[in-house]
Amino acid sequence: ILDFGNHPALIGVWAKFVGEGVSDLQGNLITSHSHEIVVAVLALLIAAATARGYRSLRSGARSLVSVGLWFVMGAALFE
């Protein structure tokens, strides 16, 4: 929707409200979205790698991996 510039006019109103131009707002939204995707992909890779060897771990190591995965999910959620 941002490729259409200030149409609908709500985009221009919001950009002015936050103190940016429409093109600056578009660039900032795209950049922040890209950074969130990178964090999500890294979290997915860690979870996939962990799932492959999870069952072969002893209980202490399995608990440590579980806690680590919760931290990864929290970091990805609040990024």
PDB file of N, CA and C in Angstrom:
ATOM      1  N   ILE A   1       0.828  -1.195   0.000  1.00  0.00           N
ATOM      2  CA  ILE A   1       0.000   0.000   0.000  1.00  0.00           C
ATOM      3  C   ILE A   1       0.875   1.263   0.000  1.00  0.00           C
ATOM      4  N   LEU A   2       2.082   1.156   0.546  1.00  0.00           N
ATOM      5  CA  LEU A   2       2.944   2.335   0.596  1.00  0.00           C
ATOM      6  C   LEU A   2       3.512   2.705  -0.770  1.00  0.00           C
ATOM      7  N   ASP A   3       3.448   1.796  -1.738  1.00  0.00           N
ATOM      8  CA  ASP A   3       3.946   2.114  -3.078  1.00  0.00           C
ATOM      9  C   ASP A   3       3.087   3.146  -3.796  1.00  0.00           C
ATOM     10  N   PHE A   4       1.901   3.406  -3.298  1.00  0.00           N
ATOM     11  CA  PHE A   4       1.012   4.376  -3.923  1.00  0.00           C
ATOM     12  C   PHE A   4       1.199   5.780  -3.368  1.00  0.00           C
ATOM     13  N   GLY A   5       2.209   5.978  -2.544  1.00  0.00           N
ATOM     14  CA  GLY A   5       2.464   7.311  -2.002  1.00  0.00           C
ATOM     15  C   GLY A   5       1.446   7.671  -0.935  1.00  0.00           C
ATOM     16  N   ASN A   6       0.910   8.856  -1.034  1.00  0.00           N
ATOM     17  CA  ASN A   6      -0.035   9.357  -0.031  1.00  0.00           C
ATOM     18  C   ASN A   6      -1.470   8.992  -0.409  1.00  0.00           C
ATOM     19  N   HIS A   7      -1.686   7.750  -0.753  1.00  0.00           N
ATOM     20  CA  HIS A   7      -3.040   7.294  -1.065  1.00  0.00           C
ATOM     21  C   HIS A   7      -3.264   5.966  -0.378  1.00  0.00           C
ATOM     22  N   PRO A   8      -4.143   5.780   0.521  1.00  0.00           N
ATOM     23  CA  PRO A   8      -5.084   6.750   1.047  1.00  0.00           C
ATOM     24  C   PRO A   8      -4.379   7.831   1.879  1.00  0.00           C
ATOM     25  N   ALA A   9      -5.041   8.927   2.020  1.00  0.00           N
ATOM     26  CA  ALA A   9      -4.443  10.103   2.666  1.00  0.00           C
ATOM     27  C   ALA A   9      -4.068   9.849   4.127  1.00  0.00           C
ATOM     28  N   LEU A  10      -4.589   8.785   4.697  1.00  0.00           N
ATOM     29  CA  LEU A  10      -4.269   8.438   6.078  1.00  0.00           C
ATOM     30  C   LEU A  10      -2.770   8.179   6.241  1.00  0.00           C
ATOM     31  N   ILE A  11      -2.117   7.664   5.213  1.00  0.00           N
ATOM     32  CA  ILE A  11      -0.675   7.405   5.281  1.00  0.00           C
ATOM     33  C   ILE A  11       0.082   8.716   5.451  1.00  0.00           C
ATOM     34  N   GLY A  12      -0.285   9.725   4.670  1.00  0.00           N
ATOM     35  CA  GLY A  12       0.359  11.029   4.799  1.00  0.00           C
ATOM     36  C   GLY A  12       0.088  11.683   6.137  1.00  0.00           C
ATOM     37  N   VAL A  13      -1.120  11.513   6.648  1.00  0.00           N
ATOM     38  CA  VAL A  13      -1.466  12.070   7.953  1.00  0.00           C
ATOM     39  C   VAL A  13      -0.619  11.399   9.029  1.00  0.00           C
ATOM     40  N   TRP A  14      -0.496  10.071   8.951  1.00  0.00           N
ATOM     41  CA  TRP A  14       0.307   9.359   9.946  1.00  0.00           C
ATOM     42  C   TRP A  14       1.778   9.755   9.839  1.00  0.00           C
ATOM     43  N   ALA A  15       2.299   9.842   8.620  1.00  0.00           N
ATOM     44  CA  ALA A  15       3.698  10.226   8.434  1.00  0.00           C
ATOM     45  C   ALA A  15       3.957  11.611   9.023  1.00  0.00           C
ATOM     46  N   LYS A  16       3.040  12.536   8.790  1.00  0.00           N
ATOM     47  CA  LYS A  16       3.197  13.879   9.346  1.00  0.00           C
ATOM     48  C   LYS A  16       3.117  13.856  10.870  1.00  0.00           C
ATOM     49  N   PHE A  17       2.234  13.004  11.402  1.00  0.00           N
ATOM     50  CA  PHE A  17       2.072  12.886  12.851  1.00  0.00           C
ATOM     51  C   PHE A  17       3.357  12.405  13.522  1.00  0.00           C
ATOM     52  N   VAL A  18       4.062  11.462  12.876  1.00  0.00           N
ATOM     53  CA  VAL A  18       5.300  10.938  13.462  1.00  0.00           C
ATOM     54  C   VAL A  18       6.519  11.748  13.026  1.00  0.00           C
ATOM     55  N   GLY A  19       6.296  12.789  12.229  1.00  0.00           N
ATOM     56  CA  GLY A  19       7.376  13.697  11.868  1.00  0.00           C
ATOM     57  C   GLY A  19       8.245  13.238  10.724  1.00  0.00           C
ATOM     58  N   GLU A  20       7.688  12.492   9.783  1.00  0.00           N
ATOM     59  CA  GLU A  20       8.439  11.994   8.635  1.00  0.00           C
ATOM     60  C   GLU A  20       7.695  12.301   7.356  1.00  0.00           C
ATOM     61  N   GLY A  21       8.399  12.159   6.251  1.00  0.00           N
ATOM     62  CA  GLY A  21       7.752  12.195   4.948  1.00  0.00           C
ATOM     63  C   GLY A  21       7.240  10.799   4.615  1.00  0.00           C
ATOM     64  N   VAL A  22       6.387  10.699   3.598  1.00  0.00           N
ATOM     65  CA  VAL A  22       5.824   9.402   3.224  1.00  0.00           C
ATOM     66  C   VAL A  22       6.929   8.444   2.778  1.00  0.00           C
ATOM     67  N   SER A  23       7.900   8.919   2.001  1.00  0.00           N
ATOM     68  CA  SER A  23       8.976   8.032   1.539  1.00  0.00           C
ATOM     69  C   SER A  23       9.870   7.585   2.695  1.00  0.00           C
ATOM     70  N   ASP A  24      10.108   8.471   3.668  1.00  0.00           N
ATOM     71  CA  ASP A  24      10.893   8.081   4.844  1.00  0.00           C
ATOM     72  C   ASP A  24      10.156   7.034   5.672  1.00  0.00           C
ATOM     73  N   LEU A  25       8.847   7.215   5.813  1.00  0.00           N
ATOM     74  CA  LEU A  25       8.038   6.249   6.552  1.00  0.00           C
ATOM     75  C   LEU A  25       8.102   4.884   5.874  1.00  0.00           C
ATOM     76  N   GLN A  26       7.991   4.876   4.551  1.00  0.00           N
ATOM     77  CA  GLN A  26       8.057   3.621   3.811  1.00  0.00           C
ATOM     78  C   GLN A  26       9.403   2.931   4.023  1.00  0.00           C
ATOM     79  N   GLY A  27      10.489   3.663   3.921  1.00  0.00           N
ATOM     80  CA  GLY A  27      11.812   3.085   4.120  1.00  0.00           C
ATOM     81  C   GLY A  27      12.003   2.535   5.519  1.00  0.00           C
ATOM     82  N   ASN A  28      11.531   3.265   6.514  1.00  0.00           N
ATOM     83  CA  ASN A  28      11.664   2.809   7.897  1.00  0.00           C
ATOM     84  C   ASN A  28      10.844   1.557   8.170  1.00  0.00           C
ATOM     85  N   LEU A  29       9.636   1.482   7.618  1.00  0.00           N
ATOM     86  CA  LEU A  29       8.804   0.297   7.830  1.00  0.00           C
ATOM     87  C   LEU A  29       9.406  -0.929   7.156  1.00  0.00           C
ATOM     88  N   ILE A  30       9.916  -0.764   5.950  1.00  0.00           N
ATOM     89  CA  ILE A  30      10.513  -1.890   5.240  1.00  0.00           C
ATOM     90  C   ILE A  30      11.773  -2.365   5.949  1.00  0.00           C
ATOM     91  N   THR A  31      12.600  -1.452   6.418  1.00  0.00           N
ATOM     92  CA  THR A  31      13.835  -1.822   7.102  1.00  0.00           C
ATOM     93  C   THR A  31      13.542  -2.551   8.407  1.00  0.00           C
ATOM     94  N   SER A  32      12.612  -2.045   9.205  1.00  0.00           N
ATOM     95  CA  SER A  32      12.313  -2.698  10.475  1.00  0.00           C
ATOM     96  C   SER A  32      11.700  -4.073  10.249  1.00  0.00           C
ATOM     97  N   HIS A  33      10.877  -4.213   9.220  1.00  0.00           N
ATOM     98  CA  HIS A  33      10.282  -5.512   8.911  1.00  0.00           C
ATOM     99  C   HIS A  33      11.366  -6.512   8.506  1.00  0.00           C
ATOM    100  N   SER A  34      12.332  -6.072   7.717  1.00  0.00           N
ATOM    101  CA  SER A  34      13.417  -6.951   7.296  1.00  0.00           C
ATOM    102  C   SER A  34      14.223  -7.439   8.497  1.00  0.00           C
ATOM    103  N   HIS A  35      14.480  -6.560   9.451  1.00  0.00           N
ATOM    104  CA  HIS A  35      15.225  -6.963  10.640  1.00  0.00           C
ATOM    105  C   HIS A  35      14.439  -7.978  11.470  1.00  0.00           C
ATOM    106  N   GLU A  36      13.135  -7.829  11.542  1.00  0.00           N
ATOM    107  CA  GLU A  36      12.318  -8.789  12.279  1.00  0.00           C
ATOM    108  C   GLU A  36      12.323 -10.148  11.595  1.00  0.00           C
ATOM    109  N   ILE A  37      12.319 -10.162  10.274  1.00  0.00           N
ATOM    110  CA  ILE A  37      12.347 -11.425   9.535  1.00  0.00           C
ATOM    111  C   ILE A  37      13.662 -12.145   9.779  1.00  0.00           C
ATOM    112  N   VAL A  38      14.779 -11.432   9.829  1.00  0.00           N
ATOM    113  CA  VAL A  38      16.076 -12.051  10.088  1.00  0.00           C
ATOM    114  C   VAL A  38      16.078 -12.748  11.447  1.00  0.00           C
ATOM    115  N   VAL A  39      15.560 -12.098  12.463  1.00  0.00           N
ATOM    116  CA  VAL A  39      15.506 -12.695  13.797  1.00  0.00           C
ATOM    117  C   VAL A  39      14.605 -13.928  13.794  1.00  0.00           C
ATOM    118  N   ALA A  40      13.481 -13.864  13.102  1.00  0.00           N
ATOM    119  CA  ALA A  40      12.570 -15.002  13.051  1.00  0.00           C
ATOM    120  C   ALA A  40      13.206 -16.194  12.343  1.00  0.00           C
ATOM    121  N   VAL A  41      13.933 -15.951  11.259  1.00  0.00           N
ATOM    122  CA  VAL A  41      14.599 -17.040  10.543  1.00  0.00           C
ATOM    123  C   VAL A  41      15.686 -17.664  11.417  1.00  0.00           C
ATOM    124  N   LEU A  42      16.447 -16.856  12.131  1.00  0.00           N
ATOM    125  CA  LEU A  42      17.461 -17.396  13.033  1.00  0.00           C
ATOM    126  C   LEU A  42      16.825 -18.244  14.127  1.00  0.00           C
ATOM    127  N   ALA A  43      15.710 -17.796  14.676  1.00  0.00           N
ATOM    128  CA  ALA A  43      15.016 -18.582  15.696  1.00  0.00           C
ATOM    129  C   ALA A  43      14.519 -19.902  15.118  1.00  0.00           C
ATOM    130  N   LEU A  44      14.017 -19.878  13.884  1.00  0.00           N
ATOM    131  CA  LEU A  44      13.566 -21.103  13.229  1.00  0.00           C
ATOM    132  C   LEU A  44      14.722 -22.069  13.012  1.00  0.00           C
ATOM    133  N   LEU A  45      15.864 -21.565  12.585  1.00  0.00           N
ATOM    134  CA  LEU A  45      17.027 -22.426  12.381  1.00  0.00           C
ATOM    135  C   LEU A  45      17.500 -23.068  13.684  1.00  0.00           C
ATOM    136  N   ILE A  46      17.527 -22.292  14.756  1.00  0.00           N
ATOM    137  CA  ILE A  46      17.931 -22.839  16.055  1.00  0.00           C
ATOM    138  C   ILE A  46      16.939 -23.908  16.507  1.00  0.00           C
ATOM    139  N   ALA A  47      15.653 -23.652  16.349  1.00  0.00           N
ATOM    140  CA  ALA A  47      14.644 -24.631  16.755  1.00  0.00           C
ATOM    141  C   ALA A  47      14.732 -25.901  15.916  1.00  0.00           C
ATOM    142  N   ALA A  48      14.949 -25.770  14.619  1.00  0.00           N
ATOM    143  CA  ALA A  48      15.052 -26.948  13.751  1.00  0.00           C
ATOM    144  C   ALA A  48      16.291 -27.766  14.083  1.00  0.00           C
ATOM    145  N   ALA A  49      17.413 -27.105  14.312  1.00  0.00           N
ATOM    146  CA  ALA A  49      18.639 -27.820  14.655  1.00  0.00           C
ATOM    147  C   ALA A  49      18.504 -28.515  16.001  1.00  0.00           C
ATOM    148  N   THR A  50      17.828 -27.891  16.928  1.00  0.00           N
ATOM    149  CA  THR A  50      17.642 -28.466  18.255  1.00  0.00           C
ATOM    150  C   THR A  50      16.705 -29.674  18.194  1.00  0.00           C
ATOM    151  N   ALA A  51      15.664 -29.588  17.387  1.00  0.00           N
ATOM    152  CA  ALA A  51      14.683 -30.669  17.307  1.00  0.00           C
ATOM    153  C   ALA A  51      15.302 -31.960  16.776  1.00  0.00           C
ATOM    154  N   ARG A  52      16.308 -31.847  15.921  1.00  0.00           N
ATOM    155  CA  ARG A  52      16.927 -33.057  15.354  1.00  0.00           C
ATOM    156  C   ARG A  52      17.622 -33.904  16.409  1.00  0.00           C
ATOM    157  N   GLY A  53      18.292 -33.285  17.349  1.00  0.00           N
ATOM    158  CA  GLY A  53      19.036 -34.047  18.332  1.00  0.00           C
ATOM    159  C   GLY A  53      18.443 -34.031  19.730  1.00  0.00           C
ATOM    160  N   TYR A  54      17.256 -33.496  19.881  1.00  0.00           N
ATOM    161  CA  TYR A  54      16.659 -33.292  21.205  1.00  0.00           C
ATOM    162  C   TYR A  54      16.420 -34.609  21.947  1.00  0.00           C
ATOM    163  N   ARG A  55      15.900 -35.607  21.264  1.00  0.00           N
ATOM    164  CA  ARG A  55      15.548 -36.874  21.922  1.00  0.00           C
ATOM    165  C   ARG A  55      16.774 -37.658  22.383  1.00  0.00           C
ATOM    166  N   SER A  56      17.914 -37.425  21.755  1.00  0.00           N
ATOM    167  CA  SER A  56      19.109 -38.191  22.124  1.00  0.00           C
ATOM    168  C   SER A  56      19.843 -37.580  23.326  1.00  0.00           C
ATOM    169  N   LEU A  57      19.409 -36.434  23.797  1.00  0.00           N
ATOM    170  CA  LEU A  57      20.081 -35.788  24.929  1.00  0.00           C
ATOM    171  C   LEU A  57      19.637 -36.399  26.254  1.00  0.00           C
ATOM    172  N   ARG A  58      20.528 -36.315  27.249  1.00  0.00           N
ATOM    173  CA  ARG A  58      20.158 -36.736  28.600  1.00  0.00           C
ATOM    174  C   ARG A  58      19.262 -35.675  29.225  1.00  0.00           C
ATOM    175  N   SER A  59      18.634 -35.997  30.322  1.00  0.00           N
ATOM    176  CA  SER A  59      17.600 -35.114  30.889  1.00  0.00           C
ATOM    177  C   SER A  59      18.132 -33.739  31.280  1.00  0.00           C
ATOM    178  N   GLY A  60      19.347 -33.660  31.837  1.00  0.00           N
ATOM    179  CA  GLY A  60      19.894 -32.354  32.216  1.00  0.00           C
ATOM    180  C   GLY A  60      20.146 -31.473  31.010  1.00  0.00           C
ATOM    181  N   ALA A  61      20.737 -32.050  29.973  1.00  0.00           N
ATOM    182  CA  ALA A  61      20.986 -31.289  28.749  1.00  0.00           C
ATOM    183  C   ALA A  61      19.681 -30.935  28.052  1.00  0.00           C
ATOM    184  N   ARG A  62      18.715 -31.844  28.108  1.00  0.00           N
ATOM    185  CA  ARG A  62      17.415 -31.583  27.488  1.00  0.00           C
ATOM    186  C   ARG A  62      16.722 -30.409  28.185  1.00  0.00           C
ATOM    187  N   SER A  63      16.842 -30.331  29.494  1.00  0.00           N
ATOM    188  CA  SER A  63      16.254 -29.201  30.235  1.00  0.00           C
ATOM    189  C   SER A  63      16.933 -27.893  29.865  1.00  0.00           C
ATOM    190  N   LEU A  64      18.245 -27.920  29.721  1.00  0.00           N
ATOM    191  CA  LEU A  64      18.981 -26.718  29.335  1.00  0.00           C
ATOM    192  C   LEU A  64      18.575 -26.252  27.935  1.00  0.00           C
ATOM    193  N   VAL A  65      18.417 -27.202  27.020  1.00  0.00           N
ATOM    194  CA  VAL A  65      17.977 -26.859  25.660  1.00  0.00           C
ATOM    195  C   VAL A  65      16.573 -26.278  25.696  1.00  0.00           C
ATOM    196  N   SER A  66      15.697 -26.829  26.510  1.00  0.00           N
ATOM    197  CA  SER A  66      14.326 -26.307  26.608  1.00  0.00           C
ATOM    198  C   SER A  66      14.318 -24.862  27.101  1.00  0.00           C
ATOM    199  N   VAL A  67      15.117 -24.588  28.109  1.00  0.00           N
ATOM    200  CA  VAL A  67      15.199 -23.213  28.618  1.00  0.00           C
ATOM    201  C   VAL A  67      15.761 -22.285  27.538  1.00  0.00           C
ATOM    202  N   GLY A  68      16.785 -22.737  26.830  1.00  0.00           N
ATOM    203  CA  GLY A  68      17.361 -21.929  25.753  1.00  0.00           C
ATOM    204  C   GLY A  68      16.360 -21.630  24.650  1.00  0.00           C
ATOM    205  N   LEU A  69      15.545 -22.623  24.301  1.00  0.00           N
ATOM    206  CA  LEU A  69      14.528 -22.394  23.267  1.00  0.00           C
ATOM    207  C   LEU A  69      13.477 -21.382  23.721  1.00  0.00           C
ATOM    208  N   TRP A  70      13.134 -21.405  24.994  1.00  0.00           N
ATOM    209  CA  TRP A  70      12.199 -20.397  25.501  1.00  0.00           C
ATOM    210  C   TRP A  70      12.800 -18.991  25.384  1.00  0.00           C
ATOM    211  N   PHE A  71      14.110 -18.883  25.659  1.00  0.00           N
ATOM    212  CA  PHE A  71      14.759 -17.587  25.501  1.00  0.00           C
ATOM    213  C   PHE A  71      14.781 -17.138  24.043  1.00  0.00           C
ATOM    214  N   VAL A  72      15.023 -18.071  23.127  1.00  0.00           N
ATOM    215  CA  VAL A  72      15.020 -17.742  21.695  1.00  0.00           C
ATOM    216  C   VAL A  72      13.633 -17.284  21.261  1.00  0.00           C
ATOM    217  N   MET A  73      12.603 -18.002  21.713  1.00  0.00           N
ATOM    218  CA  MET A  73      11.238 -17.605  21.348  1.00  0.00           C
ATOM    219  C   MET A  73      10.899 -16.226  21.916  1.00  0.00           C
ATOM    220  N   GLY A  74      11.316 -15.968  23.143  1.00  0.00           N
ATOM    221  CA  GLY A  74      11.064 -14.656  23.734  1.00  0.00           C
ATOM    222  C   GLY A  74      11.797 -13.540  22.994  1.00  0.00           C
ATOM    223  N   ALA A  75      13.039 -13.813  22.608  1.00  0.00           N
ATOM    224  CA  ALA A  75      13.800 -12.801  21.865  1.00  0.00           C
ATOM    225  C   ALA A  75      13.169 -12.539  20.510  1.00  0.00           C
ATOM    226  N   ALA A  76      12.697 -13.584  19.849  1.00  0.00           N
ATOM    227  CA  ALA A  76      12.064 -13.397  18.542  1.00  0.00           C
ATOM    228  C   ALA A  76      10.730 -12.678  18.682  1.00  0.00           C
ATOM    229  N   LEU A  77      10.030 -12.944  19.764  1.00  0.00           N
ATOM    230  CA  LEU A  77       8.727 -12.319  19.971  1.00  0.00           C
ATOM    231  C   LEU A  77       8.848 -10.832  20.265  1.00  0.00           C
ATOM    232  N   PHE A  78       9.839 -10.469  21.056  1.00  0.00           N
ATOM    233  CA  PHE A  78       9.964  -9.071  21.488  1.00  0.00           C
ATOM    234  C   PHE A  78      10.970  -8.275  20.677  1.00  0.00           C
ATOM    235  N   GLU A  79      11.441  -8.813  19.578  1.00  0.00           N
ATOM    236  CA  GLU A  79      12.419  -8.090  18.729  1.00  0.00           C
ATOM    237  C   GLU A  79      11.769  -6.918  18.059  1.00  0.00           C
TER     238      GLU A  79
END
